[in-house]
Every structure is written in C-alpha cells, then in structure tokens.
Amino acid sequence: MDAATTSAAANQSKREFLIKQHYETKLQSVTEQLQLSDGRYTRLHKEFELLKELLMETIQDKDKVARESEQLKTRNSQLQEELAAAKEDTRAQVEMMTNYMKSLDQGR
C-alpha cells in the first residue's frame, strides 16, 4: 500500500503540475492578447484623435470659405449696382453732350 500511495501521490503531483502549467500558458496567452489589444486601441485612438482634429479644421475652413463667399457675393452686388449707376450717368452725359452738339449745329 505504501508504494501505491506514493505512486498515487506522484500521479496527483504530476497532474497538479500539468494543470498549473496549462493555466499558466493560458494566462500568458491571454496576457499577450490583452497587450496586443491595448496596442491596437492606443494606435486607433491616436488615429481617431488626428482624424477628429482634421475634421474640425475642415469644418472651420468650410465655414470660413462660406463667410468669404457671402462677403464676395455682397461686394459683387455692390459693384454691380455701382457699375449700373456709372453706366446710367455716362449714358446721361453722352445724351446731354449729344443734345448740346445738336443745338450748336442748329445754331449755325
């Protein structure tokens, strides 16, 4: 019985060692996966932050362009009005000069 007990204890000890080794290997594998996931998360988070900044800059640029476009449209309208007024003034002056020239011709 003494040999059987020793053999059983050795088998028990060997089983415990194998189970411990199995779980240590499993724990190491899970730890490695966690480290890889953390690395991926860190990389993706940095990329997300960069894209977020780029998006914010793009939105600001878009708003700036929209404001500038409105200002240019307003300025264009003002210049169109000034041009129309200048054309009308020039037309009136030409008409007045034409009438004056006609009156000079008729006076001869």
PDB file of N, CA and C in Angstrom:
ATOM      1  N   MET A   1       0.810  -1.180   0.000  1.00  0.00           N
ATOM      2  CA  MET A   1       0.000   0.000   0.000  1.00  0.00           C
ATOM      3  C   MET A   1       0.858   1.249   0.000  1.00  0.00           C
ATOM      4  N   ASP A   2       1.993   1.159   0.608  1.00  0.00           N
ATOM      5  CA  ASP A   2       2.873   2.318   0.711  1.00  0.00           C
ATOM      6  C   ASP A   2       3.349   2.741  -0.679  1.00  0.00           C
ATOM      7  N   ALA A   3       3.653   1.779  -1.520  1.00  0.00           N
ATOM      8  CA  ALA A   3       4.103   2.077  -2.878  1.00  0.00           C
ATOM      9  C   ALA A   3       2.952   2.633  -3.695  1.00  0.00           C
ATOM     10  N   ALA A   4       1.752   2.100  -3.479  1.00  0.00           N
ATOM     11  CA  ALA A   4       0.569   2.571  -4.198  1.00  0.00           C
ATOM     12  C   ALA A   4       0.244   3.999  -3.789  1.00  0.00           C
ATOM     13  N   THR A   5       0.383   4.315  -2.528  1.00  0.00           N
ATOM     14  CA  THR A   5       0.111   5.662  -2.034  1.00  0.00           C
ATOM     15  C   THR A   5       1.126   6.637  -2.600  1.00  0.00           C
ATOM     16  N   THR A   6       2.388   6.214  -2.627  1.00  0.00           N
ATOM     17  CA  THR A   6       3.446   7.054  -3.174  1.00  0.00           C
ATOM     18  C   THR A   6       3.207   7.287  -4.659  1.00  0.00           C
ATOM     19  N   SER A   7       2.814   6.230  -5.370  1.00  0.00           N
ATOM     20  CA  SER A   7       2.531   6.331  -6.803  1.00  0.00           C
ATOM     21  C   SER A   7       1.337   7.252  -7.041  1.00  0.00           C
ATOM     22  N   ALA A   8       0.307   7.120  -6.217  1.00  0.00           N
ATOM     23  CA  ALA A   8      -0.885   7.963  -6.350  1.00  0.00           C
ATOM     24  C   ALA A   8      -0.527   9.420  -6.057  1.00  0.00           C
ATOM     25  N   ALA A   9       0.316   9.630  -5.045  1.00  0.00           N
ATOM     26  CA  ALA A   9       0.736  10.988  -4.699  1.00  0.00           C
ATOM     27  C   ALA A   9       1.571  11.585  -5.834  1.00  0.00           C
ATOM     28  N   ALA A  10       2.423  10.759  -6.445  1.00  0.00           N
ATOM     29  CA  ALA A  10       3.249  11.226  -7.560  1.00  0.00           C
ATOM     30  C   ALA A  10       2.365  11.586  -8.750  1.00  0.00           C
ATOM     31  N   ASN A  11       1.366  10.718  -9.015  1.00  0.00           N
ATOM     32  CA  ASN A  11       0.430  10.999 -10.114  1.00  0.00           C
ATOM     33  C   ASN A  11      -0.358  12.281  -9.835  1.00  0.00           C
ATOM     34  N   GLN A  12      -0.790  12.426  -8.582  1.00  0.00           N
ATOM     35  CA  GLN A  12      -1.530  13.630  -8.184  1.00  0.00           C
ATOM     36  C   GLN A  12      -0.658  14.868  -8.361  1.00  0.00           C
ATOM     37  N   SER A  13       0.583  14.780  -7.935  1.00  0.00           N
ATOM     38  CA  SER A  13       1.519  15.896  -8.043  1.00  0.00           C
ATOM     39  C   SER A  13       1.778  16.232  -9.510  1.00  0.00           C
ATOM     40  N   LYS A  14       1.924  15.175 -10.336  1.00  0.00           N
ATOM     41  CA  LYS A  14       2.170  15.378 -11.766  1.00  0.00           C
ATOM     42  C   LYS A  14       0.953  16.041 -12.418  1.00  0.00           C
ATOM     43  N   ARG A  15      -0.255  15.592 -12.055  1.00  0.00           N
ATOM     44  CA  ARG A  15      -1.488  16.180 -12.588  1.00  0.00           C
ATOM     45  C   ARG A  15      -1.598  17.647 -12.192  1.00  0.00           C
ATOM     46  N   GLU A  16      -1.298  17.953 -10.932  1.00  0.00           N
ATOM     47  CA  GLU A  16      -1.346  19.333 -10.460  1.00  0.00           C
ATOM     48  C   GLU A  16      -0.355  20.200 -11.233  1.00  0.00           C
ATOM     49  N   PHE A  17       0.844  19.653 -11.467  1.00  0.00           N
ATOM     50  CA  PHE A  17       1.863  20.388 -12.220  1.00  0.00           C
ATOM     51  C   PHE A  17       1.387  20.660 -13.646  1.00  0.00           C
ATOM     52  N   LEU A  18       0.817  19.626 -14.293  1.00  0.00           N
ATOM     53  CA  LEU A  18       0.332  19.789 -15.668  1.00  0.00           C
ATOM     54  C   LEU A  18      -0.826  20.787 -15.740  1.00  0.00           C
ATOM     55  N   ILE A  19      -1.741  20.708 -14.767  1.00  0.00           N
ATOM     56  CA  ILE A  19      -2.863  21.654 -14.740  1.00  0.00           C
ATOM     57  C   ILE A  19      -2.342  23.075 -14.530  1.00  0.00           C
ATOM     58  N   LYS A  20      -1.399  23.229 -13.584  1.00  0.00           N
ATOM     59  CA  LYS A  20      -0.808  24.535 -13.307  1.00  0.00           C
ATOM     60  C   LYS A  20      -0.112  25.070 -14.549  1.00  0.00           C
ATOM     61  N   GLN A  21       0.644  24.208 -15.226  1.00  0.00           N
ATOM     62  CA  GLN A  21       1.360  24.608 -16.439  1.00  0.00           C
ATOM     63  C   GLN A  21       0.366  25.022 -17.531  1.00  0.00           C
ATOM     64  N   HIS A  22      -0.722  24.258 -17.665  1.00  0.00           N
ATOM     65  CA  HIS A  22      -1.747  24.565 -18.664  1.00  0.00           C
ATOM     66  C   HIS A  22      -2.343  25.961 -18.413  1.00  0.00           C
ATOM     67  N   TYR A  23      -2.723  26.227 -17.176  1.00  0.00           N
ATOM     68  CA  TYR A  23      -3.336  27.519 -16.856  1.00  0.00           C
ATOM     69  C   TYR A  23      -2.341  28.670 -16.942  1.00  0.00           C
ATOM     70  N   GLU A  24      -1.086  28.424 -16.615  1.00  0.00           N
ATOM     71  CA  GLU A  24      -0.068  29.464 -16.769  1.00  0.00           C
ATOM     72  C   GLU A  24       0.121  29.816 -18.243  1.00  0.00           C
ATOM     73  N   THR A  25       0.136  28.778 -19.093  1.00  0.00           N
ATOM     74  CA  THR A  25       0.246  29.001 -20.540  1.00  0.00           C
ATOM     75  C   THR A  25      -0.971  29.782 -21.046  1.00  0.00           C
ATOM     76  N   LYS A  26      -2.142  29.376 -20.579  1.00  0.00           N
ATOM     77  CA  LYS A  26      -3.379  30.052 -20.968  1.00  0.00           C
ATOM     78  C   LYS A  26      -3.353  31.515 -20.510  1.00  0.00           C
ATOM     79  N   LEU A  27      -2.913  31.757 -19.277  1.00  0.00           N
ATOM     80  CA  LEU A  27      -2.812  33.108 -18.732  1.00  0.00           C
ATOM     81  C   LEU A  27      -1.824  33.949 -19.538  1.00  0.00           C
ATOM     82  N   GLN A  28      -0.710  33.358 -19.899  1.00  0.00           N
ATOM     83  CA  GLN A  28       0.291  34.068 -20.702  1.00  0.00           C
ATOM     84  C   GLN A  28      -0.293  34.433 -22.069  1.00  0.00           C
ATOM     85  N   SER A  29      -1.029  33.507 -22.668  1.00  0.00           N
ATOM     86  CA  SER A  29      -1.650  33.762 -23.968  1.00  0.00           C
ATOM     87  C   SER A  29      -2.663  34.908 -23.876  1.00  0.00           C
ATOM     88  N   VAL A  30      -3.495  34.883 -22.850  1.00  0.00           N
ATOM     89  CA  VAL A  30      -4.495  35.935 -22.665  1.00  0.00           C
ATOM     90  C   VAL A  30      -3.810  37.276 -22.399  1.00  0.00           C
ATOM     91  N   THR A  31      -2.729  37.264 -21.634  1.00  0.00           N
ATOM     92  CA  THR A  31      -1.973  38.490 -21.359  1.00  0.00           C
ATOM     93  C   THR A  31      -1.398  39.067 -22.643  1.00  0.00           C
ATOM     94  N   GLU A  32      -0.856  38.213 -23.504  1.00  0.00           N
ATOM     95  CA  GLU A  32      -0.316  38.674 -24.787  1.00  0.00           C
ATOM     96  C   GLU A  32      -1.418  39.278 -25.653  1.00  0.00           C
ATOM     97  N   GLN A  33      -2.584  38.613 -25.678  1.00  0.00           N
ATOM     98  CA  GLN A  33      -3.708  39.141 -26.456  1.00  0.00           C
ATOM     99  C   GLN A  33      -4.154  40.501 -25.918  1.00  0.00           C
ATOM    100  N   LEU A  34      -4.153  40.632 -24.599  1.00  0.00           N
ATOM    101  CA  LEU A  34      -4.523  41.900 -23.981  1.00  0.00           C
ATOM    102  C   LEU A  34      -3.534  42.998 -24.357  1.00  0.00           C
ATOM    103  N   GLN A  35      -2.257  42.676 -24.353  1.00  0.00           N
ATOM    104  CA  GLN A  35      -1.242  43.664 -24.723  1.00  0.00           C
ATOM    105  C   GLN A  35      -1.396  44.078 -26.187  1.00  0.00           C
ATOM    106  N   LEU A  36      -1.668  43.097 -27.054  1.00  0.00           N
ATOM    107  CA  LEU A  36      -1.899  43.422 -28.467  1.00  0.00           C
ATOM    108  C   LEU A  36      -3.130  44.314 -28.626  1.00  0.00           C
ATOM    109  N   SER A  37      -4.187  43.974 -27.896  1.00  0.00           N
ATOM    110  CA  SER A  37      -5.410  44.775 -27.965  1.00  0.00           C
ATOM    111  C   SER A  37      -5.164  46.183 -27.446  1.00  0.00           C
ATOM    112  N   ASP A  38      -4.414  46.303 -26.359  1.00  0.00           N
ATOM    113  CA  ASP A  38      -4.089  47.625 -25.825  1.00  0.00           C
ATOM    114  C   ASP A  38      -3.292  48.434 -26.846  1.00  0.00           C
ATOM    115  N   GLY A  39      -2.341  47.783 -27.502  1.00  0.00           N
ATOM    116  CA  GLY A  39      -1.543  48.464 -28.529  1.00  0.00           C
ATOM    117  C   GLY A  39      -2.406  48.928 -29.687  1.00  0.00           C
ATOM    118  N   ARG A  40      -3.323  48.058 -30.121  1.00  0.00           N
ATOM    119  CA  ARG A  40      -4.235  48.416 -31.206  1.00  0.00           C
ATOM    120  C   ARG A  40      -5.137  49.573 -30.785  1.00  0.00           C
ATOM    121  N   TYR A  41      -5.639  49.483 -29.551  1.00  0.00           N
ATOM    122  CA  TYR A  41      -6.507  50.551 -29.045  1.00  0.00           C
ATOM    123  C   TYR A  41      -5.760  51.878 -29.033  1.00  0.00           C
ATOM    124  N   THR A  42      -4.537  51.866 -28.548  1.00  0.00           N
ATOM    125  CA  THR A  42      -3.740  53.091 -28.471  1.00  0.00           C
ATOM    126  C   THR A  42      -3.520  53.672 -29.864  1.00  0.00           C
ATOM    127  N   ARG A  43      -3.161  52.816 -30.810  1.00  0.00           N
ATOM    128  CA  ARG A  43      -2.927  53.271 -32.184  1.00  0.00           C
ATOM    129  C   ARG A  43      -4.212  53.830 -32.796  1.00  0.00           C
ATOM    130  N   LEU A  44      -5.321  53.109 -32.624  1.00  0.00           N
ATOM    131  CA  LEU A  44      -6.585  53.563 -33.191  1.00  0.00           C
ATOM    132  C   LEU A  44      -7.077  54.840 -32.512  1.00  0.00           C
ATOM    133  N   HIS A  45      -6.830  54.961 -31.224  1.00  0.00           N
ATOM    134  CA  HIS A  45      -7.235  56.173 -30.512  1.00  0.00           C
ATOM    135  C   HIS A  45      -6.458  57.383 -31.031  1.00  0.00           C
ATOM    136  N   LYS A  46      -5.165  57.211 -31.255  1.00  0.00           N
ATOM    137  CA  LYS A  46      -4.357  58.305 -31.811  1.00  0.00           C
ATOM    138  C   LYS A  46      -4.863  58.679 -33.199  1.00  0.00           C
ATOM    139  N   GLU A  47      -5.150  57.664 -34.004  1.00  0.00           N
ATOM    140  CA  GLU A  47      -5.655  57.916 -35.358  1.00  0.00           C
ATOM    141  C   GLU A  47      -7.002  58.640 -35.293  1.00  0.00           C
ATOM    142  N   PHE A  48      -7.853  58.207 -34.365  1.00  0.00           N
ATOM    143  CA  PHE A  48      -9.147  58.861 -34.175  1.00  0.00           C
ATOM    144  C   PHE A  48      -8.965  60.325 -33.804  1.00  0.00           C
ATOM    145  N   GLU A  49      -8.064  60.612 -32.888  1.00  0.00           N
ATOM    146  CA  GLU A  49      -7.817  61.993 -32.466  1.00  0.00           C
ATOM    147  C   GLU A  49      -7.311  62.836 -33.638  1.00  0.00           C
ATOM    148  N   LEU A  50      -6.410  62.269 -34.445  1.00  0.00           N
ATOM    149  CA  LEU A  50      -5.902  63.005 -35.610  1.00  0.00           C
ATOM    150  C   LEU A  50      -7.019  63.288 -36.612  1.00  0.00           C
ATOM    151  N   LEU A  51      -7.862  62.276 -36.852  1.00  0.00           N
ATOM    152  CA  LEU A  51      -8.971  62.462 -37.784  1.00  0.00           C
ATOM    153  C   LEU A  51      -9.976  63.471 -37.242  1.00  0.00           C
ATOM    154  N   LYS A  52     -10.189  63.448 -35.945  1.00  0.00           N
ATOM    155  CA  LYS A  52     -11.096  64.410 -35.315  1.00  0.00           C
ATOM    156  C   LYS A  52     -10.565  65.829 -35.496  1.00  0.00           C
ATOM    157  N   GLU A  53      -9.268  66.025 -35.269  1.00  0.00           N
ATOM    158  CA  GLU A  53      -8.662  67.346 -35.462  1.00  0.00           C
ATOM    159  C   GLU A  53      -8.775  67.782 -36.921  1.00  0.00           C
ATOM    160  N   LEU A  54      -8.506  66.848 -37.836  1.00  0.00           N
ATOM    161  CA  LEU A  54      -8.603  67.159 -39.260  1.00  0.00           C
ATOM    162  C   LEU A  54     -10.030  67.553 -39.630  1.00  0.00           C
ATOM    163  N   LEU A  55     -10.997  66.832 -39.094  1.00  0.00           N
ATOM    164  CA  LEU A  55     -12.398  67.150 -39.360  1.00  0.00           C
ATOM    165  C   LEU A  55     -12.753  68.532 -38.830  1.00  0.00           C
ATOM    166  N   MET A  56     -12.303  68.846 -37.628  1.00  0.00           N
ATOM    167  CA  MET A  56     -12.586  70.162 -37.049  1.00  0.00           C
ATOM    168  C   MET A  56     -11.953  71.269 -37.896  1.00  0.00           C
ATOM    169  N   GLU A  57     -10.717  71.058 -38.351  1.00  0.00           N
ATOM    170  CA  GLU A  57     -10.059  72.050 -39.209  1.00  0.00           C
ATOM    171  C   GLU A  57     -10.818  72.209 -40.522  1.00  0.00           C
ATOM    172  N   THR A  58     -11.272  71.090 -41.077  1.00  0.00           N
ATOM    173  CA  THR A  58     -12.016  71.123 -42.337  1.00  0.00           C
ATOM    174  C   THR A  58     -13.328  71.883 -42.165  1.00  0.00           C
ATOM    175  N   ILE A  59     -14.003  71.651 -41.043  1.00  0.00           N
ATOM    176  CA  ILE A  59     -15.260  72.357 -40.778  1.00  0.00           C
ATOM    177  C   ILE A  59     -15.001  73.852 -40.634  1.00  0.00           C
ATOM    178  N   GLN A  60     -13.940  74.204 -39.924  1.00  0.00           N
ATOM    179  CA  GLN A  60     -13.604  75.622 -39.761  1.00  0.00           C
ATOM    180  C   GLN A  60     -13.269  76.253 -41.108  1.00  0.00           C
ATOM    181  N   ASP A  61     -12.502  75.524 -41.929  1.00  0.00           N
ATOM    182  CA  ASP A  61     -12.167  76.037 -43.263  1.00  0.00           C
ATOM    183  C   ASP A  61     -13.425  76.216 -44.103  1.00  0.00           C
ATOM    184  N   LYS A  62     -14.337  75.250 -44.011  1.00  0.00           N
ATOM    185  CA  LYS A  62     -15.583  75.321 -44.768  1.00  0.00           C
ATOM    186  C   LYS A  62     -16.395  76.539 -44.336  1.00  0.00           C
ATOM    187  N   ASP A  63     -16.487  76.760 -43.027  1.00  0.00           N
ATOM    188  CA  ASP A  63     -17.217  77.925 -42.521  1.00  0.00           C
ATOM    189  C   ASP A  63     -16.561  79.224 -42.981  1.00  0.00           C
ATOM    190  N   LYS A  64     -15.231  79.254 -42.948  1.00  0.00           N
ATOM    191  CA  LYS A  64     -14.500  80.446 -43.382  1.00  0.00           C
ATOM    192  C   LYS A  64     -14.771  80.719 -44.861  1.00  0.00           C
ATOM    193  N   VAL A  65     -14.724  79.669 -45.677  1.00  0.00           N
ATOM    194  CA  VAL A  65     -14.977  79.821 -47.113  1.00  0.00           C
ATOM    195  C   VAL A  65     -16.416  80.293 -47.344  1.00  0.00           C
ATOM    196  N   ALA A  66     -17.358  79.768 -46.566  1.00  0.00           N
ATOM    197  CA  ALA A  66     -18.754  80.187 -46.718  1.00  0.00           C
ATOM    198  C   ALA A  66     -18.908  81.670 -46.378  1.00  0.00           C
ATOM    199  N   ARG A  67     -18.256  82.115 -45.295  1.00  0.00           N
ATOM    200  CA  ARG A  67     -18.323  83.539 -44.925  1.00  0.00           C
ATOM    201  C   ARG A  67     -17.692  84.409 -46.007  1.00  0.00           C
ATOM    202  N   GLU A  68     -16.525  83.991 -46.496  1.00  0.00           N
ATOM    203  CA  GLU A  68     -15.855  84.752 -47.550  1.00  0.00           C
ATOM    204  C   GLU A  68     -16.711  84.802 -48.806  1.00  0.00           C
ATOM    205  N   SER A  69     -17.361  83.696 -49.124  1.00  0.00           N
ATOM    206  CA  SER A  69     -18.231  83.647 -50.298  1.00  0.00           C
ATOM    207  C   SER A  69     -19.387  84.635 -50.151  1.00  0.00           C
ATOM    208  N   GLU A  70     -19.985  84.677 -48.962  1.00  0.00           N
ATOM    209  CA  GLU A  70     -21.073  85.633 -48.723  1.00  0.00           C
ATOM    210  C   GLU A  70     -20.574  87.070 -48.854  1.00  0.00           C
ATOM    211  N   GLN A  71     -19.393  87.336 -48.300  1.00  0.00           N
ATOM    212  CA  GLN A  71     -18.824  88.684 -48.405  1.00  0.00           C
ATOM    213  C   GLN A  71     -18.568  89.045 -49.867  1.00  0.00           C
ATOM    214  N   LEU A  72     -18.049  88.085 -50.630  1.00  0.00           N
ATOM    215  CA  LEU A  72     -17.775  88.345 -52.045  1.00  0.00           C
ATOM    216  C   LEU A  72     -19.069  88.556 -52.834  1.00  0.00           C
ATOM    217  N   LYS A  73     -20.114  87.801 -52.496  1.00  0.00           N
ATOM    218  CA  LYS A  73     -21.401  87.993 -53.170  1.00  0.00           C
ATOM    219  C   LYS A  73     -21.952  89.387 -52.880  1.00  0.00           C
ATOM    220  N   THR A  74     -21.838  89.801 -51.612  1.00  0.00           N
ATOM    221  CA  THR A  74     -22.307  91.135 -51.233  1.00  0.00           C
ATOM    222  C   THR A  74     -21.513  92.207 -51.967  1.00  0.00           C
ATOM    223  N   ARG A  75     -20.203  92.045 -51.988  1.00  0.00           N
ATOM    224  CA  ARG A  75     -19.334  93.013 -52.681  1.00  0.00           C
ATOM    225  C   ARG A  75     -19.642  93.033 -54.175  1.00  0.00           C
ATOM    226  N   ASN A  76     -19.881  91.864 -54.750  1.00  0.00           N
ATOM    227  CA  ASN A  76     -20.220  91.771 -56.167  1.00  0.00           C
ATOM    228  C   ASN A  76     -21.522  92.523 -56.453  1.00  0.00           C
ATOM    229  N   SER A  77     -22.510  92.350 -55.581  1.00  0.00           N
ATOM    230  CA  SER A  77     -23.781  93.065 -55.762  1.00  0.00           C
ATOM    231  C   SER A  77     -23.567  94.570 -55.697  1.00  0.00           C
ATOM    232  N   GLN A  78     -22.755  95.012 -54.729  1.00  0.00           N
ATOM    233  CA  GLN A  78     -22.466  96.442 -54.605  1.00  0.00           C
ATOM    234  C   GLN A  78     -21.785  96.964 -55.867  1.00  0.00           C
ATOM    235  N   LEU A  79     -20.809  96.214 -56.365  1.00  0.00           N
ATOM    236  CA  LEU A  79     -20.095  96.645 -57.568  1.00  0.00           C
ATOM    237  C   LEU A  79     -21.013  96.652 -58.785  1.00  0.00           C
ATOM    238  N   GLN A  80     -21.923  95.683 -58.860  1.00  0.00           N
ATOM    239  CA  GLN A  80     -22.888  95.655 -59.973  1.00  0.00           C
ATOM    240  C   GLN A  80     -23.769  96.901 -59.933  1.00  0.00           C
ATOM    241  N   GLU A  81     -24.204  97.272 -58.710  1.00  0.00           N
ATOM    242  CA  GLU A  81     -25.025  98.473 -58.564  1.00  0.00           C
ATOM    243  C   GLU A  81     -24.234  99.722 -58.946  1.00  0.00           C
ATOM    244  N   GLU A  82     -22.980  99.795 -58.497  1.00  0.00           N
ATOM    245  CA  GLU A  82     -22.131 100.940 -58.841  1.00  0.00           C
ATOM    246  C   GLU A  82     -21.907 101.010 -60.347  1.00  0.00           C
ATOM    247  N   LEU A  83     -21.684  99.859 -60.975  1.00  0.00           N
ATOM    248  CA  LEU A  83     -21.477  99.816 -62.421  1.00  0.00           C
ATOM    249  C   LEU A  83     -22.729 100.277 -63.161  1.00  0.00           C
ATOM    250  N   ALA A  84     -23.886  99.811 -62.712  1.00  0.00           N
ATOM    251  CA  ALA A  84     -25.135 100.223 -63.357  1.00  0.00           C
ATOM    252  C   ALA A  84     -25.337 101.731 -63.212  1.00  0.00           C
ATOM    253  N   ALA A  85     -25.030 102.252 -62.019  1.00  0.00           N
ATOM    254  CA  ALA A  85     -25.169 103.703 -61.802  1.00  0.00           C
ATOM    255  C   ALA A  85     -24.178 104.467 -62.678  1.00  0.00           C
ATOM    256  N   ALA A  86     -22.955 103.982 -62.786  1.00  0.00           N
ATOM    257  CA  ALA A  86     -21.944 104.647 -63.618  1.00  0.00           C
ATOM    258  C   ALA A  86     -22.357 104.608 -65.086  1.00  0.00           C
ATOM    259  N   LYS A  87     -22.905 103.482 -65.540  1.00  0.00           N
ATOM    260  CA  LYS A  87     -23.373 103.385 -66.927  1.00  0.00           C
ATOM    261  C   LYS A  87     -24.496 104.385 -67.176  1.00  0.00           C
ATOM    262  N   GLU A  88     -25.405 104.460 -66.225  1.00  0.00           N
ATOM    263  CA  GLU A  88     -26.529 105.389 -66.370  1.00  0.00           C
ATOM    264  C   GLU A  88     -26.031 106.830 -66.405  1.00  0.00           C
ATOM    265  N   ASP A  89     -25.080 107.162 -65.525  1.00  0.00           N
ATOM    266  CA  ASP A  89     -24.512 108.516 -65.520  1.00  0.00           C
ATOM    267  C   ASP A  89     -23.806 108.807 -66.842  1.00  0.00           C
ATOM    268  N   THR A  90     -23.038 107.852 -67.325  1.00  0.00           N
ATOM    269  CA  THR A  90     -22.315 108.030 -68.587  1.00  0.00           C
ATOM    270  C   THR A  90     -23.294 108.191 -69.744  1.00  0.00           C
ATOM    271  N   ARG A  91     -24.338 107.363 -69.750  1.00  0.00           N
ATOM    272  CA  ARG A  91     -25.354 107.462 -70.796  1.00  0.00           C
ATOM    273  C   ARG A  91     -26.022 108.831 -70.762  1.00  0.00           C
ATOM    274  N   ALA A  92     -26.324 109.299 -69.554  1.00  0.00           N
ATOM    275  CA  ALA A  92     -26.964 110.621 -69.420  1.00  0.00           C
ATOM    276  C   ALA A  92     -26.025 111.719 -69.902  1.00  0.00           C
ATOM    277  N   GLN A  93     -24.737 111.615 -69.577  1.00  0.00           N
ATOM    278  CA  GLN A  93     -23.767 112.624 -70.026  1.00  0.00           C
ATOM    279  C   GLN A  93     -23.624 112.612 -71.542  1.00  0.00           C
ATOM    280  N   VAL A  94     -23.566 111.407 -72.127  1.00  0.00           N
ATOM    281  CA  VAL A  94     -23.457 111.302 -73.589  1.00  0.00           C
ATOM    282  C   VAL A  94     -24.697 111.903 -74.242  1.00  0.00           C
ATOM    283  N   GLU A  95     -25.847 111.611 -73.679  1.00  0.00           N
ATOM    284  CA  GLU A  95     -27.086 112.157 -74.231  1.00  0.00           C
ATOM    285  C   GLU A  95     -27.098 113.686 -74.125  1.00  0.00           C
ATOM    286  N   MET A  96     -26.644 114.208 -72.985  1.00  0.00           N
ATOM    287  CA  MET A  96     -26.588 115.655 -72.797  1.00  0.00           C
ATOM    288  C   MET A  96     -25.605 116.289 -73.782  1.00  0.00           C
ATOM    289  N   MET A  97     -24.454 115.670 -73.976  1.00  0.00           N
ATOM    290  CA  MET A  97     -23.456 116.189 -74.921  1.00  0.00           C
ATOM    291  C   MET A  97     -23.998 116.125 -76.345  1.00  0.00           C
ATOM    292  N   THR A  98     -24.687 115.047 -76.660  1.00  0.00           N
ATOM    293  CA  THR A  98     -25.277 114.911 -77.991  1.00  0.00           C
ATOM    294  C   THR A  98     -26.290 116.029 -78.229  1.00  0.00           C
ATOM    295  N   ASN A  99     -27.136 116.257 -77.248  1.00  0.00           N
ATOM    296  CA  ASN A  99     -28.131 117.331 -77.375  1.00  0.00           C
ATOM    297  C   ASN A  99     -27.451 118.688 -77.515  1.00  0.00           C
ATOM    298  N   TYR A 100     -26.393 118.900 -76.770  1.00  0.00           N
ATOM    299  CA  TYR A 100     -25.649 120.164 -76.841  1.00  0.00           C
ATOM    300  C   TYR A 100     -25.048 120.347 -78.230  1.00  0.00           C
ATOM    301  N   MET A 101     -24.455 119.260 -78.747  1.00  0.00           N
ATOM    302  CA  MET A 101     -23.850 119.323 -80.081  1.00  0.00           C
ATOM    303  C   MET A 101     -24.923 119.591 -81.142  1.00  0.00           C
ATOM    304  N   LYS A 102     -26.081 118.977 -80.978  1.00  0.00           N
ATOM    305  CA  LYS A 102     -27.182 119.219 -81.918  1.00  0.00           C
ATOM    306  C   LYS A 102     -27.611 120.684 -81.868  1.00  0.00           C
ATOM    307  N   SER A 103     -27.676 121.205 -80.644  1.00  0.00           N
ATOM    308  CA  SER A 103     -28.099 122.611 -80.511  1.00  0.00           C
ATOM    309  C   SER A 103     -27.068 123.550 -81.125  1.00  0.00           C
ATOM    310  N   LEU A 104     -25.780 123.205 -81.038  1.00  0.00           N
ATOM    311  CA  LEU A 104     -24.748 124.023 -81.666  1.00  0.00           C
ATOM    312  C   LEU A 104     -24.865 123.970 -83.185  1.00  0.00           C
ATOM    313  N   ASP A 105     -25.145 122.760 -83.710  1.00  0.00           N
ATOM    314  CA  ASP A 105     -25.301 122.609 -85.160  1.00  0.00           C
ATOM    315  C   ASP A 105     -26.511 123.391 -85.664  1.00  0.00           C
ATOM    316  N   GLN A 106     -27.563 123.380 -84.900  1.00  0.00           N
ATOM    317  CA  GLN A 106     -28.780 124.074 -85.317  1.00  0.00           C
ATOM    318  C   GLN A 106     -28.592 125.590 -85.254  1.00  0.00           C
ATOM    319  N   GLY A 107     -27.715 126.044 -84.383  1.00  0.00           N
ATOM    320  CA  GLY A 107     -27.463 127.470 -84.232  1.00  0.00           C
ATOM    321  C   GLY A 107     -26.662 128.031 -85.379  1.00  0.00           C
ATOM    322  N   ARG A 108     -26.046 127.285 -86.164  1.00  0.00           N
ATOM    323  CA  ARG A 108     -25.218 127.768 -87.280  1.00  0.00           C
ATOM    324  C   ARG A 108     -25.991 128.156 -88.449  1.00  0.00           C
TER     325      ARG A 108
END
